[in-house]
């Protein structure tokens, strides 16, 4: 996990730089695809995913090293061929994992967050799950294990394969000619994220477009059908932690409410969106019917709240980068506590963005706890070793958080809309 954390120490600033370039480009061509609150929500979602993965939270059913050690029928040396085979195996597994997430009720919960934004931009790519707590992906790499692809090859290619899916989350790049027949492009992925009936559950590939064409899930972007983004059951919140568990909570409630014992069992494995008939009629859920006319989620806010949301997002990013930089020194128990502060922080300020009254109490409790730690330890997880007045800066941050939470909850009377673009 420490190696993973160090890799992210360099990857995160690079992703933020690319976001900034797209925002600046959209500004100059007068075609901005970013809105403040949505962008903060997207980036904050990415930060929680990175934190969850770097802390190793979750249960791995089986590891790839175990599979390759016990099931390999051949032994492929680490030549150019093994790298090619490994890449194809990862992409093939990624396609079926993606398809599983779109087609089965239980697995949709871990993927819904990625589709929850009603915008489509590079920030949207960062909406990654924290609800995928059961790791089963190595099972899908069984072909690679049987061929004896070494674990170190998979370990190197897997994050590269993931990061390579970032660039095509954009509306500023059109169709790419012959490349449309080889790789997943922005045009193809716009189709994938769209909620138009023509586009639902299409283009499930991750790097190579061959799988969609081979297995019947390919759909070209049509000029007469402009993609509309989001999910048919709108998330209606900026809080990425809530979004991560919305669908599973609906499944739990439906399984509890239905009178059919068979439906209580099969609801988890039925196609995405399926509900028991008795529950569906008694507890209807709003679903978008006209994808061109639905009301997109927004909350009333001021320019000051928009600026504060951006400040909290960058503060969270700074905390996360410090955690990665000081990963070993903080120690396991310290990392769990540090991670809890980040999770609660994201929950608090995104709930404040939703203009929920209870957000103020989350922010006050989090900040007071942080102040107690600073006063008791005269430090903040070793920050004073790198910056002599580091804990004082963190102290001021918590004080500001309390003041801002009180101000935006009880004192400010907003007049503008969070629909404001960047």
Protein backbone atom coordinates (compact mmCIF):
# COMPACT_ATOMS: atom_id res chain seq x y z
CA UNK A 1 0.00 0.00 0.00
CA UNK A 2 2.90 2.35 0.65
CA UNK A 3 4.09 1.89 -2.95
CA UNK A 4 0.58 2.64 -4.19
CA UNK A 5 0.48 5.75 -2.02
CA UNK A 6 3.78 7.00 -3.45
CA UNK A 7 2.53 6.49 -7.01
CA UNK A 8 -0.56 8.54 -6.22
CA UNK A 9 1.63 11.29 -4.78
CA UNK A 10 2.70 11.99 -8.36
CA UNK A 11 -0.46 10.96 -10.22
CA UNK A 12 -2.92 13.24 -8.39
CA UNK A 13 -1.22 16.57 -9.29
CA UNK A 14 -0.98 15.37 -12.91
CA UNK A 15 -4.74 14.70 -13.05
CA UNK A 16 -5.48 18.09 -11.48
CA UNK A 17 -3.25 19.75 -14.09
CA UNK A 18 -5.18 18.11 -16.92
CA UNK A 19 -8.45 19.26 -15.34
CA UNK A 20 -7.11 22.81 -15.19
CA UNK A 21 -6.11 22.67 -18.87
CA UNK A 22 -9.60 21.51 -19.89
CA UNK A 23 -11.23 24.22 -17.77
CA UNK A 24 -9.02 26.94 -19.28
CA UNK A 25 -9.64 25.61 -22.79
CA UNK A 26 -13.41 25.61 -22.22
CA UNK A 27 -13.20 29.20 -21.00
CA UNK A 28 -11.32 30.47 -24.04
CA UNK A 29 -13.49 28.68 -26.60
CA UNK A 30 -16.60 29.80 -24.69
CA UNK A 31 -17.81 26.23 -24.27
CA UNK A 32 -17.31 25.53 -20.57
CA UNK A 33 -18.26 22.02 -19.43
CA UNK A 34 -17.57 22.53 -15.71
CA UNK A 35 -19.87 23.73 -12.94
CA UNK A 36 -18.41 24.53 -9.55
CA UNK A 37 -20.40 22.26 -7.24
CA UNK A 38 -20.42 19.32 -9.61
CA UNK A 39 -16.66 19.60 -10.10
CA UNK A 40 -15.97 19.76 -6.37
CA UNK A 41 -18.21 16.73 -5.87
CA UNK A 42 -16.41 14.79 -8.62
CA UNK A 43 -12.90 15.54 -7.38
CA UNK A 44 -13.91 14.86 -3.78
CA UNK A 45 -15.26 11.49 -4.88
CA UNK A 46 -11.92 10.69 -6.45
CA UNK A 47 -10.11 11.63 -3.25
CA UNK A 48 -12.27 9.27 -1.16
CA UNK A 49 -11.63 6.44 -3.62
CA UNK A 50 -7.87 7.02 -3.52
CA UNK A 51 -7.95 7.13 0.27
CA UNK A 52 -9.96 3.92 0.51
CA UNK A 53 -7.61 2.08 -1.85
CA UNK A 54 -4.42 3.41 -0.24
CA UNK A 55 -5.63 2.25 3.19
CA UNK A 56 -6.50 -1.19 1.82
CA UNK A 57 -10.09 -1.07 3.02
CA UNK A 58 -12.10 -4.01 1.77
CA UNK A 59 -12.08 -7.79 1.50
CA UNK A 60 -10.19 -9.50 -1.34
CA UNK A 61 -11.81 -12.87 -2.08
CA UNK A 62 -8.73 -14.19 -3.84
CA UNK A 63 -5.48 -12.58 -4.97
CA UNK A 64 -3.96 -12.87 -8.41
CA UNK A 65 -0.63 -14.21 -7.02
CA UNK A 66 -2.56 -17.08 -5.43
CA UNK A 67 -4.27 -17.91 -8.73
CA UNK A 68 -1.11 -17.83 -10.81
CA UNK A 69 0.88 -19.83 -8.24
CA UNK A 70 -1.72 -22.59 -8.05
CA UNK A 71 -3.38 -22.69 -11.47
CA UNK A 72 -0.74 -21.74 -14.05
CA UNK A 73 -0.52 -24.29 -16.86
CA UNK A 74 2.43 -22.59 -18.54
CA UNK A 75 5.32 -20.35 -17.58
CA UNK A 76 5.70 -17.28 -19.78
CA UNK A 77 8.91 -15.34 -19.39
CA UNK A 78 8.69 -11.55 -19.01
CA UNK A 79 9.23 -10.73 -22.70
CA UNK A 80 7.23 -8.41 -24.99
CA UNK A 81 4.73 -11.25 -25.50
CA UNK A 82 3.86 -11.58 -21.84
CA UNK A 83 3.23 -7.84 -21.60
CA UNK A 84 0.92 -7.98 -24.62
CA UNK A 85 -0.95 -11.01 -23.27
CA UNK A 86 -1.26 -9.35 -19.85
CA UNK A 87 -2.64 -6.13 -21.33
CA UNK A 88 -5.23 -7.98 -23.41
CA UNK A 89 -6.20 -10.12 -20.40
CA UNK A 90 -6.65 -7.06 -18.17
CA UNK A 91 -8.73 -5.27 -20.82
CA UNK A 92 -10.86 -8.36 -21.43
CA UNK A 93 -11.44 -8.75 -17.68
CA UNK A 94 -12.20 -5.04 -17.43
CA UNK A 95 -14.87 -5.31 -20.11
CA UNK A 96 -16.69 -8.13 -18.32
CA UNK A 97 -16.35 -6.47 -14.93
CA UNK A 98 -17.82 -3.31 -16.43
CA UNK A 99 -20.63 -5.27 -18.08
CA UNK A 100 -21.39 -7.06 -14.81
CA UNK A 101 -21.66 -3.69 -13.05
CA UNK A 102 -24.20 -2.46 -15.60
CA UNK A 103 -26.29 -5.61 -15.79
CA UNK A 104 -26.68 -6.90 -12.21
CA UNK A 105 -28.49 -5.03 -9.43
CA UNK A 106 -25.94 -5.72 -6.70
CA UNK A 107 -22.91 -4.78 -8.76
CA UNK A 108 -24.45 -1.58 -10.13
CA UNK A 109 -24.04 -0.02 -6.69
CA UNK A 110 -20.24 0.02 -7.01
CA UNK A 111 -20.39 1.72 -10.42
CA UNK A 112 -23.29 4.17 -10.05
CA UNK A 113 -21.03 6.87 -8.58
CA UNK A 114 -19.07 7.02 -11.85
CA UNK A 115 -22.24 7.80 -13.82
CA UNK A 116 -23.85 10.09 -11.24
CA UNK A 117 -22.59 13.41 -12.62
CA UNK A 118 -24.98 15.23 -14.93
CA UNK A 119 -21.96 16.79 -16.61
CA UNK A 120 -19.30 15.04 -18.67
CA UNK A 121 -15.70 16.17 -18.30
CA UNK A 122 -12.34 14.99 -16.98
CA UNK A 123 -13.49 15.56 -13.40
CA UNK A 124 -16.28 13.05 -14.03
CA UNK A 125 -13.59 10.42 -14.58
CA UNK A 126 -12.57 10.82 -10.94
CA UNK A 127 -15.96 9.70 -9.66
CA UNK A 128 -14.76 6.31 -8.48
CA UNK A 129 -16.28 3.94 -5.97
CA UNK A 130 -15.66 3.43 -2.27
CA UNK A 131 -18.48 0.89 -2.05
CA UNK A 132 -16.60 -1.86 -3.90
CA UNK A 133 -15.57 -3.44 -0.62
CA UNK A 134 -15.46 -7.02 -1.92
CA UNK A 135 -12.62 -7.58 -4.37
CA UNK A 136 -13.41 -10.25 -6.97
CA UNK A 137 -11.58 -8.85 -10.03
CA UNK A 138 -8.73 -11.44 -9.86
CA UNK A 139 -11.30 -14.14 -10.76
CA UNK A 140 -11.77 -12.38 -14.10
CA UNK A 141 -8.01 -12.60 -14.67
CA UNK A 142 -8.17 -16.39 -14.65
CA UNK A 143 -7.05 -16.65 -18.33
CA UNK A 144 -3.90 -14.70 -17.47
CA UNK A 145 -3.28 -16.92 -14.45
CA UNK A 146 -3.68 -20.09 -16.53
CA UNK A 147 -1.17 -18.73 -19.04
CA UNK A 148 1.24 -18.03 -16.21
CA UNK A 149 1.45 -14.25 -16.63
CA UNK A 150 3.70 -13.14 -13.73
CA UNK A 151 2.14 -11.17 -10.91
CA UNK A 152 4.66 -8.32 -11.27
CA UNK A 153 3.51 -7.75 -14.86
CA UNK A 154 -0.14 -7.51 -13.79
CA UNK A 155 0.82 -5.26 -10.86
CA UNK A 156 2.57 -2.80 -13.18
CA UNK A 157 0.00 -2.82 -16.00
CA UNK A 158 -3.18 -2.65 -13.87
CA UNK A 159 -2.75 0.97 -12.66
CA UNK A 160 -1.49 2.06 -16.10
CA UNK A 161 -4.60 0.50 -17.64
CA UNK A 162 -6.77 2.35 -15.12
CA UNK A 163 -5.08 5.74 -15.60
CA UNK A 164 -5.33 5.35 -19.40
CA UNK A 165 -9.13 5.54 -19.08
CA UNK A 166 -8.96 9.13 -17.83
CA UNK A 167 -8.42 11.10 -21.05
CA UNK A 168 -11.58 10.15 -22.94
CA UNK A 169 -13.96 11.75 -20.43
CA UNK A 170 -14.30 14.95 -22.46
CA UNK A 171 -16.72 16.69 -24.81
CA UNK A 172 -14.01 18.75 -26.51
CA UNK A 173 -12.71 15.95 -28.75
CA UNK A 174 -14.81 14.71 -31.67
CA UNK A 175 -14.61 11.43 -33.54
CA UNK A 176 -11.10 10.18 -34.30
CA UNK A 177 -11.42 8.42 -37.65
CA UNK A 178 -9.85 4.96 -37.89
CA UNK A 179 -8.98 5.01 -34.17
CA UNK A 180 -12.70 4.53 -33.48
CA UNK A 181 -12.20 0.91 -34.63
CA UNK A 182 -9.26 0.28 -32.33
CA UNK A 183 -9.59 2.06 -28.98
CA UNK A 184 -12.24 3.60 -26.77
CA UNK A 185 -12.53 7.26 -27.75
CA UNK A 186 -14.26 10.28 -26.20
CA UNK A 187 -17.11 9.87 -28.68
CA UNK A 188 -17.65 6.24 -27.69
CA UNK A 189 -17.46 7.02 -24.00
CA UNK A 190 -19.91 9.90 -24.26
CA UNK A 191 -22.34 7.28 -25.53
CA UNK A 192 -21.53 5.08 -22.56
CA UNK A 193 -22.29 7.83 -20.03
CA UNK A 194 -25.50 8.93 -21.77
CA UNK A 195 -29.00 8.13 -20.48
CA UNK A 196 -30.64 8.30 -23.90
CA UNK A 197 -32.54 5.08 -24.63
CA UNK A 198 -30.36 4.52 -27.70
CA UNK A 199 -27.20 4.61 -25.60
CA UNK A 200 -27.99 2.86 -22.32
CA UNK A 201 -25.47 0.12 -21.38
CA UNK A 202 -23.44 0.53 -24.57
CA UNK A 203 -19.67 0.83 -25.15
CA UNK A 204 -18.50 -1.03 -22.07
CA UNK A 205 -14.90 -1.41 -23.22
CA UNK A 206 -12.07 0.27 -21.34
CA UNK A 207 -9.14 0.60 -23.74
CA UNK A 208 -9.82 -1.62 -26.77
CA UNK A 209 -13.10 -1.22 -28.66
CA UNK A 210 -12.99 -4.77 -30.07
CA UNK A 211 -14.92 -6.29 -27.16
CA UNK A 212 -18.02 -4.13 -27.68
CA UNK A 213 -18.09 -4.96 -31.39
CA UNK A 214 -17.49 -8.64 -30.69
CA UNK A 215 -20.12 -9.02 -27.94
CA UNK A 216 -22.84 -6.74 -29.34
CA UNK A 217 -22.58 -3.74 -27.01
CA UNK A 218 -21.18 -1.18 -29.45
CA UNK A 219 -23.10 1.98 -30.32
CA UNK A 220 -21.82 4.87 -32.41
CA UNK A 221 -22.50 8.43 -31.26
CA UNK A 222 -25.33 9.75 -33.45
CA UNK A 223 -25.50 13.38 -34.58
CA UNK A 224 -29.29 13.36 -34.21
CA UNK A 225 -29.13 11.98 -30.64
CA UNK A 226 -27.02 14.32 -28.48
CA UNK A 227 -25.93 12.48 -25.32
CA UNK A 228 -27.57 13.50 -22.04
CA UNK A 229 -25.62 12.57 -18.94
CA UNK A 230 -26.35 11.27 -15.44
CA UNK A 231 -28.40 8.34 -14.15
CA UNK A 232 -32.10 7.66 -14.69
CA UNK A 233 -32.65 7.73 -10.91
CA UNK A 234 -30.89 11.05 -10.20
CA UNK A 235 -28.44 11.15 -7.31
CA UNK A 236 -29.74 14.59 -6.23
CA UNK A 237 -26.82 15.29 -3.90
CA UNK A 238 -23.25 16.58 -4.08
CA UNK A 239 -22.19 14.17 -1.34
CA UNK A 240 -20.16 11.38 -3.02
CA UNK A 241 -20.27 9.17 0.06
CA UNK A 242 -24.08 9.15 -0.01
CA UNK A 243 -24.11 8.50 -3.75
CA UNK A 244 -21.87 5.46 -3.22
CA UNK A 245 -24.52 3.72 -1.14
CA UNK A 246 -27.80 5.05 -2.58
CA UNK A 247 -28.53 2.04 -4.75
CA UNK A 248 -27.62 -0.60 -2.17
CA UNK A 249 -29.86 1.19 0.35
CA UNK A 250 -32.76 1.05 -2.11
CA UNK A 251 -32.13 -2.67 -2.60
CA UNK A 252 -32.07 -3.27 1.16
CA UNK A 253 -35.37 -1.42 1.61
CA UNK A 254 -37.01 -3.26 -1.29
CA UNK A 255 -35.80 -6.65 -0.02
CA UNK A 256 -37.19 -5.84 3.42
CA UNK A 257 -40.53 -4.51 2.17
CA UNK A 258 -41.45 -7.18 -0.38
CA UNK A 259 -43.74 -9.93 0.85
CA UNK A 260 -42.20 -12.50 -1.49
CA UNK A 261 -39.34 -14.50 0.03
CA UNK A 262 -38.17 -15.41 -3.47
CA UNK A 263 -37.99 -11.71 -4.39
CA UNK A 264 -36.03 -10.99 -1.21
CA UNK A 265 -33.32 -13.31 -2.55
CA UNK A 266 -33.36 -12.69 -6.28
CA UNK A 267 -33.50 -8.89 -6.16
CA UNK A 268 -29.72 -8.80 -5.69
CA UNK A 269 -29.03 -10.79 -8.87
CA UNK A 270 -31.73 -9.46 -11.17
CA UNK A 271 -31.01 -6.97 -13.99
CA UNK A 272 -30.13 -3.47 -12.86
CA UNK A 273 -33.21 -1.50 -11.87
CA UNK A 274 -35.45 -4.53 -11.31
CA UNK A 275 -37.80 -4.23 -8.31
CA UNK A 276 -40.40 -6.61 -6.80
CA UNK A 277 -43.86 -5.88 -8.24
CA UNK A 278 -45.52 -5.27 -4.86
CA UNK A 279 -42.82 -2.85 -3.73
CA UNK A 280 -42.67 -1.08 -7.08
CA UNK A 281 -46.37 -0.21 -6.97
CA UNK A 282 -46.44 0.76 -3.29
CA UNK A 283 -43.14 2.67 -3.17
CA UNK A 284 -42.60 4.28 -6.58
CA UNK A 285 -39.24 5.90 -7.37
CA UNK A 286 -38.91 8.87 -9.69
CA UNK A 287 -37.22 7.92 -12.95
CA UNK A 288 -36.29 10.36 -15.72
CA UNK A 289 -38.61 9.83 -18.68
CA UNK A 290 -37.71 12.77 -20.93
CA UNK A 291 -33.91 12.93 -20.97
CA UNK A 292 -33.94 16.30 -22.75
CA UNK A 293 -36.24 18.10 -20.32
CA UNK A 294 -35.45 16.79 -16.84
CA UNK A 295 -34.45 19.23 -14.08
CA UNK A 296 -30.75 18.87 -13.33
CA UNK A 297 -29.66 18.95 -9.71
CA UNK A 298 -28.53 22.26 -8.32
CA UNK A 299 -28.50 23.96 -4.95
CA UNK A 300 -28.81 27.60 -4.08
CA UNK A 301 -25.49 29.10 -3.08
CA UNK A 302 -23.40 32.22 -3.27
CA UNK A 303 -20.08 32.92 -4.94
CA UNK A 304 -18.58 32.79 -1.45
CA UNK A 305 -19.89 29.27 -0.84
CA UNK A 306 -18.58 28.19 -4.24
CA UNK A 307 -15.17 29.56 -3.29
CA UNK A 308 -15.35 27.87 0.12
CA UNK A 309 -16.22 24.52 -1.48
CA UNK A 310 -13.16 24.82 -3.72
CA UNK A 311 -11.05 25.73 -0.68
CA UNK A 312 -12.23 22.63 1.21
CA UNK A 313 -11.56 20.44 -1.81
CA UNK A 314 -7.97 21.67 -2.11
CA UNK A 315 -7.51 21.41 1.66
CA UNK A 316 -8.60 17.78 1.48
CA UNK A 317 -6.21 17.20 -1.40
CA UNK A 318 -3.39 18.75 0.64
CA UNK A 319 -4.19 16.52 3.63
CA UNK A 320 -4.19 13.48 1.35
CA UNK A 321 -0.87 14.36 -0.25
CA UNK A 322 0.67 14.88 3.19
CA UNK A 323 -0.64 11.47 4.27
CA UNK A 324 0.99 9.82 1.24
CA UNK A 325 4.26 11.69 1.80
CA UNK A 326 4.36 10.72 5.49
CA UNK A 327 2.71 7.30 5.04
CA UNK A 328 5.24 5.16 6.96
CA UNK A 329 5.79 7.61 9.81
CA UNK A 330 2.08 8.01 10.56
CA UNK A 331 1.66 4.26 11.16
CA UNK A 332 -1.37 2.02 10.67
CA UNK A 333 -3.50 3.29 13.58
CA UNK A 334 -2.65 6.87 12.72
CA UNK A 335 -3.54 6.29 9.07
CA UNK A 336 -6.98 4.99 10.01
CA UNK A 337 -7.63 8.05 12.17
CA UNK A 338 -6.23 10.39 9.53
CA UNK A 339 -8.37 8.70 6.90
CA UNK A 340 -11.46 9.08 9.10
CA UNK A 341 -10.85 12.83 9.26
CA UNK A 342 -10.73 13.02 5.48
CA UNK A 343 -13.86 10.91 4.98
CA UNK A 344 -15.83 12.89 7.55
CA UNK A 345 -14.48 16.12 6.08
CA UNK A 346 -15.69 15.25 2.58
CA UNK A 347 -19.05 14.20 4.02
CA UNK A 348 -19.29 17.45 5.96
CA UNK A 349 -18.47 20.04 3.32
CA UNK A 350 -20.38 18.29 0.51
CA UNK A 351 -23.41 18.09 2.80
CA UNK A 352 -22.94 21.81 3.41
CA UNK A 353 -22.93 22.23 -0.39
CA UNK A 354 -26.30 20.43 -0.37
CA UNK A 355 -27.48 23.11 2.11
CA UNK A 356 -28.41 20.52 4.70
CA UNK A 357 -28.75 22.02 8.19
CA UNK A 358 -27.11 19.08 9.95
CA UNK A 359 -23.85 19.67 8.06
CA UNK A 360 -22.87 22.33 10.57
CA UNK A 361 -22.80 19.82 13.43
CA UNK A 362 -20.62 17.40 11.42
CA UNK A 363 -18.15 20.17 10.69
CA UNK A 364 -18.11 21.45 14.26
CA UNK A 365 -17.59 17.96 15.74
CA UNK A 366 -14.84 17.13 13.23
CA UNK A 367 -13.04 20.40 13.86
CA UNK A 368 -13.28 20.22 17.64
CA UNK A 369 -11.88 16.69 17.56
CA UNK A 370 -9.02 17.91 15.40
CA UNK A 371 -8.31 20.76 17.81
CA UNK A 372 -8.23 18.33 20.75
CA UNK A 373 -5.65 16.18 18.93
CA UNK A 374 -3.48 19.22 18.21
CA UNK A 375 -3.63 20.50 21.79
CA UNK A 376 -2.89 17.05 23.24
CA UNK A 377 -0.04 16.08 20.90
CA UNK A 378 1.29 19.57 20.10
CA UNK A 379 1.41 18.31 16.51
CA UNK A 380 -0.72 17.00 13.65
CA UNK A 381 0.45 13.50 12.64
CA UNK A 382 4.08 14.60 12.44
CA UNK A 383 3.58 17.70 10.29
CA UNK A 384 5.80 19.83 12.53
CA UNK A 385 8.79 17.74 11.51
CA UNK A 386 8.46 19.13 8.00
CA UNK A 387 7.04 22.56 8.84
CA UNK A 388 7.66 24.02 12.29
CA UNK A 389 4.31 25.83 12.39
CA UNK A 390 2.41 23.13 10.47
CA UNK A 391 0.09 22.22 13.31
CA UNK A 392 -0.78 25.91 13.73
CA UNK A 393 -1.92 26.03 10.09
CA UNK A 394 -4.08 22.94 10.66
CA UNK A 395 -5.46 24.54 13.83
CA UNK A 396 -6.44 27.66 11.88
CA UNK A 397 -8.03 25.44 9.23
CA UNK A 398 -10.30 23.81 11.84
CA UNK A 399 -11.23 27.18 13.33
CA UNK A 400 -12.10 28.50 9.86
CA UNK A 401 -14.16 25.37 9.18
CA UNK A 402 -16.27 25.98 12.30
CA UNK A 403 -16.79 29.66 11.48
CA UNK A 404 -17.67 28.93 7.85
CA UNK A 405 -20.09 26.13 8.72
CA UNK A 406 -21.96 28.38 11.14
CA UNK A 407 -21.96 31.28 8.69
CA UNK A 408 -23.25 29.33 5.67
CA UNK A 409 -25.85 27.49 7.75
CA UNK A 410 -27.31 30.27 9.87
CA UNK A 411 -26.18 33.68 8.62
CA UNK A 412 -25.75 33.76 4.85
CA UNK A 413 -28.71 34.48 2.60
CA UNK A 414 -27.63 33.15 -0.80
CA UNK A 415 -28.89 34.80 -3.94
CA UNK A 416 -26.93 33.05 -6.68
CA UNK A 417 -26.97 29.49 -8.00
CA UNK A 418 -24.38 26.76 -7.78
CA UNK A 419 -24.98 26.22 -11.47
CA UNK A 420 -22.19 28.76 -11.91
CA UNK A 421 -19.48 27.57 -14.27
CA UNK A 422 -15.78 27.64 -13.56
